[in-house]
Every structure is written in structure tokens, then in C-alpha cells.
Amino acid sequence: MKAFRLDELEAERAANEGAYLQFLRERNMSAGLYALDAGDADPQGPHEQDEIYFVVSGRASITVGDETTEVGRGSVVYVPARTVHRFHHISEDLRVLVVFSPPES
């Protein structure tokens, strides 16, 4: 078993001074914590993997392909592989659990 605490993951991510911390990598999936502060621009592009975003905290909008929705704590968003997507209008610091399948390269 592997178990993680979000507060510890956030502290490790912040200490590494990056927006993304991969904390789990297995044969069929990987998981990480993604952080964007209020007002930040989301620099990511499409990925080769399917993704699931679970919003741990914060508020923003996300556009996936040509669809846009608002997200907040507890929101779950699926993004198919190779689909253009981006968080925007980040009004509260955003912390998102990201699951990639297969694992992010």
C-alpha cells in the first residue's frame, strides 16, 4: 500500500518550486498534484494520456476542447488524450489531483 497526505504533498511541491509534483508512478497510471495560484496562467498543453482532474481546493474555469465549465473543490473533470485543455480565470488558488493513464512520460 502507498498512502499520501495532501498537506505533505503540497509542502513537497512548494519546496521544489514547481507547479506539478508527481508522487505516484505505476505501470498503468501516474498521479500528481498540480498548483496554480489565483491569477496565474496555465501553461500546459495536450498530453498523450487520458487524465482525470480532482479539484482539492480553489476556483477556476477549465476549457476542454470547445467546452468550458467552472470548477471548485470537489469537481472532477475527465480530459481525453491529446485534447487541448487549460485552466483559466483562476479566482482562488487552485490545487488539483491529477491522474494520468497510462503514466505520464
N, C-alpha and C. Protein backbone atom coordinates (compact mmCIF):
# COMPACT_ATOMS: atom_id res chain seq x y z
N MET A 1 0.84 -1.18 0.00
CA MET A 1 0.00 0.00 0.00
C MET A 1 0.89 1.24 0.00
N LYS A 2 0.40 2.25 -0.68
CA LYS A 2 1.03 3.56 -0.64
C LYS A 2 -0.06 4.54 -0.21
N ALA A 3 0.26 5.37 0.76
CA ALA A 3 -0.71 6.35 1.26
C ALA A 3 -0.04 7.71 1.29
N PHE A 4 -0.84 8.75 1.01
CA PHE A 4 -0.30 10.10 0.90
C PHE A 4 -1.20 11.07 1.64
N ARG A 5 -0.60 12.14 2.15
CA ARG A 5 -1.35 13.23 2.78
C ARG A 5 -1.20 14.47 1.91
N LEU A 6 -2.33 15.09 1.59
CA LEU A 6 -2.29 16.24 0.71
C LEU A 6 -1.44 17.37 1.27
N ASP A 7 -1.48 17.60 2.58
CA ASP A 7 -0.68 18.69 3.14
C ASP A 7 0.81 18.43 2.96
N GLU A 8 1.23 17.17 3.08
CA GLU A 8 2.64 16.84 2.87
C GLU A 8 3.03 16.95 1.40
N LEU A 9 2.14 16.52 0.50
CA LEU A 9 2.41 16.66 -0.93
C LEU A 9 2.53 18.12 -1.33
N GLU A 10 1.64 18.95 -0.80
CA GLU A 10 1.69 20.39 -1.11
C GLU A 10 2.98 21.00 -0.60
N ALA A 11 3.43 20.61 0.59
CA ALA A 11 4.69 21.14 1.13
C ALA A 11 5.88 20.71 0.27
N GLU A 12 5.88 19.46 -0.19
CA GLU A 12 6.96 18.98 -1.05
C GLU A 12 6.94 19.69 -2.40
N ARG A 13 5.74 19.87 -2.97
CA ARG A 13 5.62 20.58 -4.24
C ARG A 13 6.15 22.00 -4.11
N ALA A 14 5.74 22.70 -3.06
CA ALA A 14 6.17 24.08 -2.85
C ALA A 14 7.69 24.16 -2.63
N ALA A 15 8.25 23.21 -1.91
CA ALA A 15 9.69 23.20 -1.66
C ALA A 15 10.47 23.00 -2.95
N ASN A 16 9.89 22.27 -3.90
CA ASN A 16 10.55 22.04 -5.19
C ASN A 16 10.32 23.17 -6.17
N GLU A 17 9.52 24.16 -5.76
CA GLU A 17 9.25 25.37 -6.54
C GLU A 17 8.73 25.07 -7.95
N GLY A 18 7.87 24.07 -8.05
CA GLY A 18 7.26 23.75 -9.33
C GLY A 18 5.75 23.70 -9.18
N ALA A 19 5.05 23.84 -10.31
CA ALA A 19 3.59 23.78 -10.28
C ALA A 19 3.08 22.35 -10.17
N TYR A 20 3.92 21.36 -10.53
CA TYR A 20 3.46 19.97 -10.57
C TYR A 20 4.42 19.08 -9.81
N LEU A 21 3.85 18.19 -8.99
CA LEU A 21 4.63 17.19 -8.27
C LEU A 21 4.03 15.82 -8.57
N GLN A 22 4.78 14.99 -9.29
CA GLN A 22 4.34 13.61 -9.47
C GLN A 22 4.70 12.85 -8.20
N PHE A 23 3.73 12.21 -7.58
CA PHE A 23 4.01 11.48 -6.34
C PHE A 23 3.76 9.99 -6.45
N LEU A 24 3.22 9.55 -7.58
CA LEU A 24 2.97 8.13 -7.77
C LEU A 24 3.15 7.78 -9.23
N ARG A 25 3.87 6.69 -9.48
CA ARG A 25 4.03 6.20 -10.85
C ARG A 25 4.00 4.69 -10.81
N GLU A 26 3.02 4.13 -11.50
CA GLU A 26 2.86 2.68 -11.58
C GLU A 26 2.78 2.29 -13.05
N ARG A 27 2.66 1.01 -13.30
CA ARG A 27 2.68 0.51 -14.67
C ARG A 27 1.57 1.11 -15.53
N ASN A 28 0.36 1.27 -14.98
CA ASN A 28 -0.79 1.71 -15.77
C ASN A 28 -1.27 3.13 -15.48
N MET A 29 -0.62 3.81 -14.54
CA MET A 29 -1.09 5.15 -14.19
C MET A 29 -0.02 5.91 -13.43
N SER A 30 -0.20 7.22 -13.38
CA SER A 30 0.61 8.06 -12.51
C SER A 30 -0.31 9.11 -11.90
N ALA A 31 0.13 9.71 -10.80
CA ALA A 31 -0.68 10.72 -10.13
C ALA A 31 0.23 11.84 -9.65
N GLY A 32 -0.34 13.04 -9.62
CA GLY A 32 0.43 14.19 -9.18
C GLY A 32 -0.47 15.26 -8.62
N LEU A 33 0.15 16.27 -8.04
CA LEU A 33 -0.54 17.43 -7.51
C LEU A 33 -0.14 18.63 -8.36
N TYR A 34 -1.13 19.33 -8.89
CA TYR A 34 -0.92 20.48 -9.77
C TYR A 34 -1.42 21.72 -9.04
N ALA A 35 -0.63 22.79 -9.06
CA ALA A 35 -0.98 24.01 -8.33
C ALA A 35 -0.86 25.22 -9.23
N LEU A 36 -1.90 26.01 -9.24
CA LEU A 36 -1.90 27.30 -9.92
C LEU A 36 -2.49 28.32 -8.96
N ASP A 37 -1.81 29.42 -8.77
CA ASP A 37 -2.31 30.44 -7.85
C ASP A 37 -3.29 31.37 -8.57
N ALA A 38 -4.11 32.06 -7.79
CA ALA A 38 -5.09 32.99 -8.35
C ALA A 38 -4.39 33.94 -9.31
N GLY A 39 -4.96 34.10 -10.49
CA GLY A 39 -4.41 34.99 -11.50
C GLY A 39 -3.35 34.37 -12.40
N ASP A 40 -2.83 33.18 -12.05
CA ASP A 40 -1.82 32.53 -12.88
C ASP A 40 -2.39 32.14 -14.24
N ALA A 41 -1.49 31.99 -15.20
CA ALA A 41 -1.83 31.41 -16.50
C ALA A 41 -1.42 29.94 -16.46
N ASP A 42 -2.24 29.08 -17.04
CA ASP A 42 -1.96 27.64 -17.09
C ASP A 42 -1.15 27.36 -18.36
N PRO A 43 0.12 26.95 -18.22
CA PRO A 43 0.98 26.78 -19.39
C PRO A 43 0.88 25.43 -20.08
N GLN A 44 0.07 24.52 -19.56
CA GLN A 44 0.11 23.16 -20.09
C GLN A 44 -0.51 23.05 -21.48
N GLY A 45 -0.04 22.04 -22.19
CA GLY A 45 -0.60 21.70 -23.49
C GLY A 45 -1.20 20.31 -23.42
N PRO A 46 -1.69 19.81 -24.54
CA PRO A 46 -2.28 18.47 -24.55
C PRO A 46 -1.27 17.40 -24.14
N HIS A 47 -1.77 16.34 -23.55
CA HIS A 47 -0.94 15.22 -23.11
C HIS A 47 -1.29 13.99 -23.94
N GLU A 48 -0.38 13.05 -23.97
CA GLU A 48 -0.60 11.80 -24.71
C GLU A 48 -1.44 10.80 -23.93
N GLN A 49 -1.79 11.13 -22.69
CA GLN A 49 -2.53 10.24 -21.82
C GLN A 49 -3.91 10.80 -21.51
N ASP A 50 -4.85 9.90 -21.19
CA ASP A 50 -6.11 10.35 -20.60
C ASP A 50 -5.80 10.91 -19.22
N GLU A 51 -6.61 11.88 -18.79
CA GLU A 51 -6.40 12.50 -17.47
C GLU A 51 -7.71 12.61 -16.72
N ILE A 52 -7.61 12.53 -15.41
CA ILE A 52 -8.71 12.91 -14.53
C ILE A 52 -8.18 13.96 -13.58
N TYR A 53 -8.90 15.08 -13.49
CA TYR A 53 -8.58 16.14 -12.54
C TYR A 53 -9.61 16.10 -11.41
N PHE A 54 -9.12 16.09 -10.17
CA PHE A 54 -9.98 16.22 -9.00
C PHE A 54 -9.56 17.50 -8.28
N VAL A 55 -10.45 18.48 -8.22
CA VAL A 55 -10.11 19.76 -7.61
C VAL A 55 -10.19 19.62 -6.09
N VAL A 56 -9.04 19.79 -5.45
CA VAL A 56 -8.93 19.69 -3.99
C VAL A 56 -9.34 21.01 -3.34
N SER A 57 -8.93 22.12 -3.96
CA SER A 57 -9.30 23.43 -3.43
C SER A 57 -9.15 24.47 -4.54
N GLY A 58 -9.82 25.60 -4.34
CA GLY A 58 -9.73 26.71 -5.28
C GLY A 58 -10.92 26.79 -6.21
N ARG A 59 -10.87 27.81 -7.08
CA ARG A 59 -11.94 28.04 -8.06
C ARG A 59 -11.31 28.52 -9.36
N ALA A 60 -11.85 28.04 -10.46
CA ALA A 60 -11.36 28.44 -11.79
C ALA A 60 -12.37 27.98 -12.83
N SER A 61 -12.05 28.27 -14.06
CA SER A 61 -12.76 27.68 -15.20
C SER A 61 -11.77 26.77 -15.89
N ILE A 62 -12.30 25.76 -16.59
CA ILE A 62 -11.46 24.90 -17.41
C ILE A 62 -12.14 24.76 -18.76
N THR A 63 -11.33 24.84 -19.80
CA THR A 63 -11.82 24.59 -21.15
C THR A 63 -11.15 23.32 -21.64
N VAL A 64 -11.98 22.38 -22.10
CA VAL A 64 -11.52 21.11 -22.66
C VAL A 64 -12.11 21.03 -24.06
N GLY A 65 -11.24 21.07 -25.07
CA GLY A 65 -11.73 21.15 -26.44
C GLY A 65 -12.48 22.45 -26.61
N ASP A 66 -13.77 22.37 -26.96
CA ASP A 66 -14.57 23.59 -27.12
C ASP A 66 -15.62 23.75 -26.03
N GLU A 67 -15.45 23.01 -24.92
CA GLU A 67 -16.38 23.11 -23.79
C GLU A 67 -15.69 23.77 -22.59
N THR A 68 -16.42 24.64 -21.91
CA THR A 68 -15.91 25.33 -20.73
C THR A 68 -16.87 25.14 -19.58
N THR A 69 -16.30 24.93 -18.38
CA THR A 69 -17.11 24.82 -17.18
C THR A 69 -16.34 25.42 -16.01
N GLU A 70 -17.07 25.85 -15.00
CA GLU A 70 -16.44 26.33 -13.77
C GLU A 70 -16.19 25.13 -12.86
N VAL A 71 -15.05 25.18 -12.15
CA VAL A 71 -14.72 24.11 -11.21
C VAL A 71 -14.37 24.69 -9.86
N GLY A 72 -14.59 23.90 -8.84
CA GLY A 72 -14.26 24.25 -7.47
C GLY A 72 -14.02 22.97 -6.69
N ARG A 73 -13.77 23.11 -5.41
CA ARG A 73 -13.49 21.96 -4.56
C ARG A 73 -14.51 20.85 -4.79
N GLY A 74 -14.01 19.66 -5.08
CA GLY A 74 -14.86 18.51 -5.31
C GLY A 74 -15.20 18.24 -6.76
N SER A 75 -14.86 19.16 -7.66
CA SER A 75 -15.13 18.95 -9.08
C SER A 75 -14.19 17.88 -9.64
N VAL A 76 -14.71 17.08 -10.56
CA VAL A 76 -13.93 16.06 -11.26
C VAL A 76 -14.12 16.28 -12.75
N VAL A 77 -13.00 16.33 -13.49
CA VAL A 77 -13.04 16.58 -14.93
C VAL A 77 -12.20 15.51 -15.62
N TYR A 78 -12.77 14.90 -16.66
CA TYR A 78 -12.05 13.94 -17.50
C TYR A 78 -11.59 14.65 -18.76
N VAL A 79 -10.32 14.45 -19.13
CA VAL A 79 -9.76 15.03 -20.35
C VAL A 79 -9.18 13.89 -21.19
N PRO A 80 -9.75 13.65 -22.38
CA PRO A 80 -9.21 12.60 -23.24
C PRO A 80 -7.80 12.94 -23.73
N ALA A 81 -7.02 11.92 -24.00
CA ALA A 81 -5.66 12.11 -24.51
C ALA A 81 -5.66 13.01 -25.74
N ARG A 82 -4.62 13.83 -25.84
CA ARG A 82 -4.37 14.71 -26.98
C ARG A 82 -5.43 15.80 -27.19
N THR A 83 -6.21 16.09 -26.15
CA THR A 83 -7.22 17.15 -26.23
C THR A 83 -6.67 18.43 -25.62
N VAL A 84 -6.80 19.53 -26.34
CA VAL A 84 -6.36 20.82 -25.82
C VAL A 84 -7.22 21.16 -24.61
N HIS A 85 -6.57 21.57 -23.52
CA HIS A 85 -7.29 21.93 -22.30
C HIS A 85 -6.45 22.91 -21.49
N ARG A 86 -7.16 23.71 -20.68
CA ARG A 86 -6.45 24.74 -19.90
C ARG A 86 -7.37 25.27 -18.80
N PHE A 87 -6.79 25.45 -17.61
CA PHE A 87 -7.48 26.19 -16.55
C PHE A 87 -7.32 27.67 -16.82
N HIS A 88 -8.32 28.47 -16.50
CA HIS A 88 -8.24 29.91 -16.69
C HIS A 88 -9.20 30.59 -15.72
N HIS A 89 -9.14 31.91 -15.68
CA HIS A 89 -9.95 32.69 -14.73
C HIS A 89 -9.85 32.06 -13.32
N ILE A 90 -8.61 31.87 -12.88
CA ILE A 90 -8.35 31.26 -11.58
C ILE A 90 -8.56 32.33 -10.52
N SER A 91 -9.68 32.23 -9.80
CA SER A 91 -10.04 33.26 -8.84
C SER A 91 -9.60 32.94 -7.41
N GLU A 92 -9.34 31.67 -7.12
CA GLU A 92 -8.80 31.23 -5.83
C GLU A 92 -7.70 30.22 -6.12
N ASP A 93 -6.62 30.24 -5.32
CA ASP A 93 -5.51 29.31 -5.51
C ASP A 93 -6.05 27.91 -5.76
N LEU A 94 -5.60 27.29 -6.85
CA LEU A 94 -6.13 26.02 -7.32
C LEU A 94 -5.15 24.90 -7.00
N ARG A 95 -5.65 23.84 -6.36
CA ARG A 95 -4.85 22.64 -6.10
C ARG A 95 -5.65 21.47 -6.65
N VAL A 96 -5.01 20.73 -7.56
CA VAL A 96 -5.72 19.70 -8.31
C VAL A 96 -4.93 18.39 -8.27
N LEU A 97 -5.60 17.32 -7.92
CA LEU A 97 -5.03 15.98 -8.01
C LEU A 97 -5.22 15.52 -9.45
N VAL A 98 -4.14 15.08 -10.09
CA VAL A 98 -4.17 14.67 -11.50
C VAL A 98 -3.80 13.20 -11.59
N VAL A 99 -4.62 12.44 -12.32
CA VAL A 99 -4.32 11.03 -12.58
C VAL A 99 -4.17 10.85 -14.09
N PHE A 100 -3.03 10.31 -14.51
CA PHE A 100 -2.76 10.02 -15.92
C PHE A 100 -2.82 8.51 -16.15
N SER A 101 -3.41 8.10 -17.27
CA SER A 101 -3.39 6.71 -17.65
C SER A 101 -3.26 6.61 -19.16
N PRO A 102 -2.22 5.93 -19.64
CA PRO A 102 -1.11 5.34 -18.91
C PRO A 102 -0.26 6.42 -18.24
N PRO A 103 0.80 6.04 -17.52
CA PRO A 103 1.58 7.03 -16.78
C PRO A 103 2.11 8.13 -17.68
N GLU A 104 2.21 9.34 -17.11
CA GLU A 104 2.81 10.46 -17.83
C GLU A 104 4.26 10.13 -18.13
N SER A 105 4.70 10.45 -19.35
CA SER A 105 6.09 10.14 -19.73
C SER A 105 7.05 11.18 -19.22
